[in-house]
Amino acid sequence: MALRLTKQNLVESEYVSFERALNNEAVRHSRCAETQDAAEAAGAFLEKRPAVFVGK
């Protein structure tokens, strides 16, 4: 998901204003932070264990 959203940011940055690009990036970043994988990454870091990502 993060890779797909990053690619969308890059593609759109060619034809939208700088302000719009920053807004789109902020929205997409927030979406990534709300995923199960983001929670797993934080939990794994705090527990000092390898993360197990499921792609959600």
N, C-alpha and C. Protein backbone atom coordinates (compact mmCIF):
# COMPACT_ATOMS: atom_id res chain seq x y z
N MET A 1 0.81 -1.18 0.00
CA MET A 1 0.00 0.00 0.00
C MET A 1 0.86 1.26 0.00
N ALA A 2 1.87 1.29 0.86
CA ALA A 2 2.73 2.48 0.95
C ALA A 2 3.44 2.75 -0.37
N LEU A 3 3.90 1.71 -1.01
CA LEU A 3 4.59 1.89 -2.29
C LEU A 3 3.64 2.44 -3.35
N ARG A 4 2.42 1.91 -3.40
CA ARG A 4 1.43 2.37 -4.37
C ARG A 4 1.11 3.86 -4.14
N LEU A 5 0.92 4.24 -2.89
CA LEU A 5 0.60 5.64 -2.59
C LEU A 5 1.78 6.56 -2.87
N THR A 6 2.99 6.08 -2.62
CA THR A 6 4.17 6.88 -2.94
C THR A 6 4.28 7.12 -4.44
N LYS A 7 4.00 6.07 -5.21
CA LYS A 7 4.03 6.23 -6.68
C LYS A 7 2.97 7.22 -7.15
N GLN A 8 1.80 7.18 -6.52
CA GLN A 8 0.76 8.15 -6.88
C GLN A 8 1.23 9.57 -6.58
N ASN A 9 1.90 9.76 -5.46
CA ASN A 9 2.44 11.08 -5.13
C ASN A 9 3.42 11.55 -6.20
N LEU A 10 4.30 10.67 -6.62
CA LEU A 10 5.30 11.04 -7.63
C LEU A 10 4.67 11.38 -8.97
N VAL A 11 3.72 10.57 -9.40
CA VAL A 11 3.06 10.82 -10.69
C VAL A 11 2.29 12.13 -10.65
N GLU A 12 1.52 12.35 -9.59
CA GLU A 12 0.71 13.56 -9.51
C GLU A 12 1.55 14.82 -9.36
N SER A 13 2.74 14.69 -8.79
CA SER A 13 3.56 15.88 -8.54
C SER A 13 3.95 16.59 -9.83
N GLU A 14 3.84 15.91 -10.95
CA GLU A 14 4.19 16.53 -12.23
C GLU A 14 3.13 17.49 -12.74
N TYR A 15 1.88 17.33 -12.29
CA TYR A 15 0.83 18.16 -12.87
C TYR A 15 -0.10 18.84 -11.86
N VAL A 16 0.22 18.78 -10.59
CA VAL A 16 -0.57 19.53 -9.60
C VAL A 16 0.33 20.58 -8.95
N SER A 17 -0.28 21.55 -8.30
CA SER A 17 0.50 22.59 -7.63
C SER A 17 1.26 22.00 -6.45
N PHE A 18 2.26 22.72 -6.01
CA PHE A 18 3.06 22.28 -4.88
C PHE A 18 2.19 22.11 -3.64
N GLU A 19 1.30 23.08 -3.40
CA GLU A 19 0.40 23.01 -2.24
C GLU A 19 -0.48 21.77 -2.31
N ARG A 20 -1.03 21.51 -3.49
CA ARG A 20 -1.89 20.33 -3.65
C ARG A 20 -1.10 19.04 -3.46
N ALA A 21 0.13 19.00 -3.97
CA ALA A 21 0.98 17.82 -3.81
C ALA A 21 1.27 17.54 -2.34
N LEU A 22 1.56 18.60 -1.57
CA LEU A 22 1.81 18.42 -0.14
C LEU A 22 0.57 17.92 0.58
N ASN A 23 -0.58 18.46 0.20
CA ASN A 23 -1.83 18.01 0.82
C ASN A 23 -2.10 16.54 0.50
N ASN A 24 -1.93 16.16 -0.76
CA ASN A 24 -2.14 14.76 -1.16
C ASN A 24 -1.20 13.83 -0.40
N GLU A 25 0.04 14.25 -0.24
CA GLU A 25 1.01 13.43 0.47
C GLU A 25 0.61 13.26 1.94
N ALA A 26 0.15 14.33 2.55
CA ALA A 26 -0.28 14.27 3.96
C ALA A 26 -1.46 13.31 4.13
N VAL A 27 -2.41 13.38 3.21
CA VAL A 27 -3.58 12.50 3.28
C VAL A 27 -3.15 11.05 3.12
N ARG A 28 -2.29 10.78 2.17
CA ARG A 28 -1.84 9.41 1.93
C ARG A 28 -0.96 8.89 3.06
N HIS A 29 -0.17 9.77 3.63
CA HIS A 29 0.65 9.37 4.77
C HIS A 29 -0.24 8.96 5.95
N SER A 30 -1.29 9.71 6.17
CA SER A 30 -2.23 9.38 7.25
C SER A 30 -2.89 8.03 7.01
N ARG A 31 -3.23 7.76 5.76
CA ARG A 31 -3.84 6.46 5.44
C ARG A 31 -2.88 5.32 5.78
N CYS A 32 -1.62 5.49 5.48
CA CYS A 32 -0.62 4.45 5.78
C CYS A 32 -0.46 4.26 7.28
N ALA A 33 -0.53 5.33 8.03
CA ALA A 33 -0.35 5.25 9.48
C ALA A 33 -1.49 4.53 10.17
N GLU A 34 -2.61 4.38 9.50
CA GLU A 34 -3.79 3.74 10.09
C GLU A 34 -3.90 2.25 9.77
N THR A 35 -2.92 1.68 9.09
CA THR A 35 -3.00 0.29 8.67
C THR A 35 -2.56 -0.66 9.78
N GLN A 36 -2.94 -1.92 9.61
CA GLN A 36 -2.51 -2.96 10.54
C GLN A 36 -0.99 -3.10 10.52
N ASP A 37 -0.40 -2.96 9.34
CA ASP A 37 1.05 -3.07 9.23
C ASP A 37 1.77 -1.97 10.00
N ALA A 38 1.21 -0.77 10.02
CA ALA A 38 1.82 0.32 10.78
C ALA A 38 1.79 0.01 12.27
N ALA A 39 0.68 -0.52 12.74
CA ALA A 39 0.57 -0.91 14.15
C ALA A 39 1.54 -2.04 14.47
N GLU A 40 1.68 -2.98 13.56
CA GLU A 40 2.61 -4.09 13.75
C GLU A 40 4.05 -3.57 13.80
N ALA A 41 4.39 -2.63 12.95
CA ALA A 41 5.75 -2.07 12.94
C ALA A 41 6.07 -1.40 14.27
N ALA A 42 5.14 -0.61 14.77
CA ALA A 42 5.35 0.07 16.05
C ALA A 42 5.47 -0.94 17.19
N GLY A 43 4.58 -1.92 17.20
CA GLY A 43 4.63 -2.94 18.24
C GLY A 43 5.92 -3.74 18.21
N ALA A 44 6.34 -4.11 17.03
CA ALA A 44 7.58 -4.88 16.89
C ALA A 44 8.78 -4.07 17.35
N PHE A 45 8.79 -2.80 17.02
CA PHE A 45 9.89 -1.94 17.44
C PHE A 45 9.96 -1.86 18.97
N LEU A 46 8.81 -1.61 19.59
CA LEU A 46 8.78 -1.48 21.04
C LEU A 46 9.13 -2.79 21.75
N GLU A 47 8.75 -3.90 21.13
CA GLU A 47 9.04 -5.21 21.72
C GLU A 47 10.39 -5.77 21.28
N LYS A 48 11.08 -5.02 20.43
CA LYS A 48 12.41 -5.41 19.93
C LYS A 48 12.38 -6.80 19.29
N ARG A 49 11.42 -6.96 18.37
CA ARG A 49 11.29 -8.22 17.63
C ARG A 49 11.08 -7.89 16.16
N PRO A 50 11.31 -8.85 15.28
CA PRO A 50 11.06 -8.62 13.85
C PRO A 50 9.56 -8.42 13.60
N ALA A 51 9.24 -7.52 12.73
CA ALA A 51 7.84 -7.28 12.36
C ALA A 51 7.36 -8.37 11.40
N VAL A 52 6.11 -8.70 11.49
CA VAL A 52 5.47 -9.65 10.58
C VAL A 52 4.35 -8.90 9.87
N PHE A 53 4.60 -8.50 8.63
CA PHE A 53 3.64 -7.70 7.88
C PHE A 53 2.70 -8.60 7.09
N VAL A 54 1.44 -8.19 7.01
CA VAL A 54 0.43 -8.96 6.29
C VAL A 54 -0.10 -8.22 5.06
N GLY A 55 0.33 -7.00 4.86
CA GLY A 55 -0.10 -6.24 3.69
C GLY A 55 -1.46 -5.57 3.86
N LYS A 56 -1.84 -5.31 5.09
CA LYS A 56 -3.12 -4.62 5.35
C LYS A 56 -2.90 -3.45 6.27
